[in-house]
């Protein structure tokens, strides 16, 4: 995840350096680790990630030493389905779903072409 976030470059409408930090991150339970949450907090990235049930149980078991539960916005998390639908649409392209390409560059090119075809 840190490598993906490090590659983010969002151009500004006018002059200036591109933004390198997203406004908000929506993640599934796979990203619900303390290390990831600390990394996002350190970089000042707001996030909505549900807490796994085992983490919730461990926090409750520790009592007041377990800390507060992380904030979670259900309404904002509902927007995550847009990303999941995009992944499902991209996987309709056989070359992307099975990853026939040997190099990272050619795979990224195939993703770009498929994204452009979806956009058109």
C-alpha atoms as a PDB file:
ATOM      1  CA  UNK A   1       0.000   0.000   0.000  1.00  0.00           C
ATOM      2  CA  UNK A   2       2.821   2.410   0.774  1.00  0.00           C
ATOM      3  CA  UNK A   3       4.273   1.908  -2.712  1.00  0.00           C
ATOM      4  CA  UNK A   4       0.926   2.679  -4.341  1.00  0.00           C
ATOM      5  CA  UNK A   5       0.457   5.819  -2.254  1.00  0.00           C
ATOM      6  CA  UNK A   6       4.002   6.921  -3.053  1.00  0.00           C
ATOM      7  CA  UNK A   7       3.195   6.867  -6.795  1.00  0.00           C
ATOM      8  CA  UNK A   8       0.119   9.115  -6.554  1.00  0.00           C
ATOM      9  CA  UNK A   9       0.478  12.312  -8.562  1.00  0.00           C
ATOM     10  CA  UNK A  10      -2.620  14.463  -9.072  1.00  0.00           C
ATOM     11  CA  UNK A  11      -2.049  17.486 -11.293  1.00  0.00           C
ATOM     12  CA  UNK A  12      -3.272  20.843 -10.078  1.00  0.00           C
ATOM     13  CA  UNK A  13      -5.419  22.984 -12.364  1.00  0.00           C
ATOM     14  CA  UNK A  14      -2.835  25.775 -12.412  1.00  0.00           C
ATOM     15  CA  UNK A  15       0.892  25.904 -11.933  1.00  0.00           C
ATOM     16  CA  UNK A  16       2.538  24.113  -9.054  1.00  0.00           C
ATOM     17  CA  UNK A  17       3.654  20.709  -7.962  1.00  0.00           C
ATOM     18  CA  UNK A  18       1.182  17.839  -8.201  1.00  0.00           C
ATOM     19  CA  UNK A  19      -0.580  16.639  -5.082  1.00  0.00           C
ATOM     20  CA  UNK A  20       0.971  13.508  -3.622  1.00  0.00           C
ATOM     21  CA  UNK A  21      -1.560  12.829  -0.899  1.00  0.00           C
ATOM     22  CA  UNK A  22      -5.164  11.710  -1.388  1.00  0.00           C
ATOM     23  CA  UNK A  23      -7.921  13.580   0.375  1.00  0.00           C
ATOM     24  CA  UNK A  24      -9.407  10.411   1.842  1.00  0.00           C
ATOM     25  CA  UNK A  25      -8.660   6.684   1.641  1.00  0.00           C
ATOM     26  CA  UNK A  26     -11.339   3.979   1.617  1.00  0.00           C
ATOM     27  CA  UNK A  27     -10.051   0.493   2.359  1.00  0.00           C
ATOM     28  CA  UNK A  28     -11.452  -2.916   3.161  1.00  0.00           C
ATOM     29  CA  UNK A  29     -10.693  -5.001   6.243  1.00  0.00           C
ATOM     30  CA  UNK A  30      -7.450  -6.226   4.673  1.00  0.00           C
ATOM     31  CA  UNK A  31      -5.952  -2.784   5.334  1.00  0.00           C
ATOM     32  CA  UNK A  32      -7.029  -2.717   8.975  1.00  0.00           C
ATOM     33  CA  UNK A  33      -3.636  -3.114  10.603  1.00  0.00           C
ATOM     34  CA  UNK A  34      -2.103  -0.844  13.186  1.00  0.00           C
ATOM     35  CA  UNK A  35       0.925  -0.201  10.956  1.00  0.00           C
ATOM     36  CA  UNK A  36      -1.189   0.978   8.019  1.00  0.00           C
ATOM     37  CA  UNK A  37      -3.358   3.165  10.224  1.00  0.00           C
ATOM     38  CA  UNK A  38      -0.248   4.726  11.813  1.00  0.00           C
ATOM     39  CA  UNK A  39       1.295   5.348   8.376  1.00  0.00           C
ATOM     40  CA  UNK A  40      -1.874   7.086   7.173  1.00  0.00           C
ATOM     41  CA  UNK A  41      -2.105   9.128  10.371  1.00  0.00           C
ATOM     42  CA  UNK A  42       1.551  10.158  10.078  1.00  0.00           C
ATOM     43  CA  UNK A  43       1.018  11.366   6.492  1.00  0.00           C
ATOM     44  CA  UNK A  44      -2.204  13.186   7.438  1.00  0.00           C
ATOM     45  CA  UNK A  45      -4.445  11.052   5.214  1.00  0.00           C
ATOM     46  CA  UNK A  46      -8.005  10.664   6.446  1.00  0.00           C
ATOM     47  CA  UNK A  47      -9.225   7.089   6.120  1.00  0.00           C
ATOM     48  CA  UNK A  48     -12.297   4.910   6.459  1.00  0.00           C
ATOM     49  CA  UNK A  49     -11.311   1.309   7.100  1.00  0.00           C
ATOM     50  CA  UNK A  50     -13.547  -1.148   8.986  1.00  0.00           C
ATOM     51  CA  UNK A  51     -12.042  -2.916  11.963  1.00  0.00           C
ATOM     52  CA  UNK A  52     -11.660  -6.699  11.775  1.00  0.00           C
ATOM     53  CA  UNK A  53     -13.584  -8.710  14.359  1.00  0.00           C
ATOM     54  CA  UNK A  54     -10.418 -10.224  15.877  1.00  0.00           C
ATOM     55  CA  UNK A  55      -8.928  -6.749  16.350  1.00  0.00           C
ATOM     56  CA  UNK A  56     -12.146  -5.575  17.963  1.00  0.00           C
ATOM     57  CA  UNK A  57     -12.121  -8.579  20.326  1.00  0.00           C
ATOM     58  CA  UNK A  58      -8.463  -8.031  21.282  1.00  0.00           C
ATOM     59  CA  UNK A  59      -9.106  -4.347  21.960  1.00  0.00           C
ATOM     60  CA  UNK A  60     -12.085  -5.186  24.175  1.00  0.00           C
ATOM     61  CA  UNK A  61     -10.133  -7.909  25.970  1.00  0.00           C
ATOM     62  CA  UNK A  62      -7.470  -5.369  26.934  1.00  0.00           C
ATOM     63  CA  UNK A  63     -10.096  -3.092  28.458  1.00  0.00           C
ATOM     64  CA  UNK A  64      -9.138   0.548  28.897  1.00  0.00           C
ATOM     65  CA  UNK A  65      -5.593  -0.284  27.712  1.00  0.00           C
ATOM     66  CA  UNK A  66      -6.981  -1.318  24.348  1.00  0.00           C
ATOM     67  CA  UNK A  67      -7.711   2.250  23.343  1.00  0.00           C
ATOM     68  CA  UNK A  68     -10.608   3.748  21.482  1.00  0.00           C
ATOM     69  CA  UNK A  69     -12.071   2.074  18.417  1.00  0.00           C
ATOM     70  CA  UNK A  70     -11.017   3.732  15.161  1.00  0.00           C
ATOM     71  CA  UNK A  71     -13.541   6.125  13.645  1.00  0.00           C
ATOM     72  CA  UNK A  72     -15.689   4.608  10.919  1.00  0.00           C
ATOM     73  CA  UNK A  73     -18.119   6.446   8.628  1.00  0.00           C
ATOM     74  CA  UNK A  74     -20.680   4.012   7.194  1.00  0.00           C
ATOM     75  CA  UNK A  75     -22.025   6.492   4.642  1.00  0.00           C
ATOM     76  CA  UNK A  76     -18.581   7.246   3.249  1.00  0.00           C
ATOM     77  CA  UNK A  77     -17.698   3.529   3.154  1.00  0.00           C
ATOM     78  CA  UNK A  78     -20.682   2.927   0.856  1.00  0.00           C
ATOM     79  CA  UNK A  79     -18.804   4.887  -1.841  1.00  0.00           C
ATOM     80  CA  UNK A  80     -16.232   2.082  -1.994  1.00  0.00           C
ATOM     81  CA  UNK A  81     -18.500   0.063  -4.264  1.00  0.00           C
ATOM     82  CA  UNK A  82     -17.500   2.374  -7.146  1.00  0.00           C
ATOM     83  CA  UNK A  83     -13.934   1.097  -6.880  1.00  0.00           C
ATOM     84  CA  UNK A  84     -15.036  -2.532  -6.654  1.00  0.00           C
ATOM     85  CA  UNK A  85     -17.274  -2.146  -9.715  1.00  0.00           C
ATOM     86  CA  UNK A  86     -14.348  -0.616 -11.610  1.00  0.00           C
ATOM     87  CA  UNK A  87     -12.144  -3.615 -10.744  1.00  0.00           C
ATOM     88  CA  UNK A  88     -14.893  -5.975 -11.905  1.00  0.00           C
ATOM     89  CA  UNK A  89     -15.281  -4.074 -15.186  1.00  0.00           C
ATOM     90  CA  UNK A  90     -11.530  -4.162 -15.791  1.00  0.00           C
ATOM     91  CA  UNK A  91     -11.448  -7.911 -15.202  1.00  0.00           C
ATOM     92  CA  UNK A  92     -13.824  -8.361 -18.132  1.00  0.00           C
ATOM     93  CA  UNK A  93     -10.736  -7.857 -20.301  1.00  0.00           C
ATOM     94  CA  UNK A  94      -9.059 -11.258 -20.498  1.00  0.00           C
ATOM     95  CA  UNK A  95      -5.525  -9.889 -20.783  1.00  0.00           C
ATOM     96  CA  UNK A  96      -5.955  -8.012 -17.519  1.00  0.00           C
ATOM     97  CA  UNK A  97      -7.750 -10.768 -15.622  1.00  0.00           C
ATOM     98  CA  UNK A  98      -5.144 -13.422 -16.491  1.00  0.00           C
ATOM     99  CA  UNK A  99      -2.165 -11.037 -16.723  1.00  0.00           C
ATOM    100  CA  UNK A 100      -0.610 -12.333 -19.924  1.00  0.00           C
ATOM    101  CA  UNK A 101       1.877  -9.448 -20.080  1.00  0.00           C
ATOM    102  CA  UNK A 102       5.398 -10.207 -18.941  1.00  0.00           C
ATOM    103  CA  UNK A 103       6.491  -6.734 -17.874  1.00  0.00           C
ATOM    104  CA  UNK A 104       4.977  -4.195 -15.519  1.00  0.00           C
ATOM    105  CA  UNK A 105       5.027  -1.517 -18.217  1.00  0.00           C
ATOM    106  CA  UNK A 106       3.017  -3.543 -20.727  1.00  0.00           C
ATOM    107  CA  UNK A 107       0.498  -4.540 -18.037  1.00  0.00           C
ATOM    108  CA  UNK A 108       0.066  -0.876 -17.038  1.00  0.00           C
ATOM    109  CA  UNK A 109      -0.399  -0.009 -20.718  1.00  0.00           C
ATOM    110  CA  UNK A 110      -3.137  -2.649 -21.010  1.00  0.00           C
ATOM    111  CA  UNK A 111      -4.815  -1.229 -17.903  1.00  0.00           C
ATOM    112  CA  UNK A 112      -4.646   2.262 -19.381  1.00  0.00           C
ATOM    113  CA  UNK A 113      -6.159   1.137 -22.675  1.00  0.00           C
ATOM    114  CA  UNK A 114      -8.946  -0.768 -20.904  1.00  0.00           C
ATOM    115  CA  UNK A 115      -9.643   2.253 -18.674  1.00  0.00           C
ATOM    116  CA  UNK A 116      -9.840   4.524 -21.698  1.00  0.00           C
ATOM    117  CA  UNK A 117     -12.237   2.145 -23.455  1.00  0.00           C
ATOM    118  CA  UNK A 118     -14.433   2.101 -20.346  1.00  0.00           C
ATOM    119  CA  UNK A 119     -14.320   5.895 -20.150  1.00  0.00           C
ATOM    120  CA  UNK A 120     -15.295   6.325 -23.805  1.00  0.00           C
END
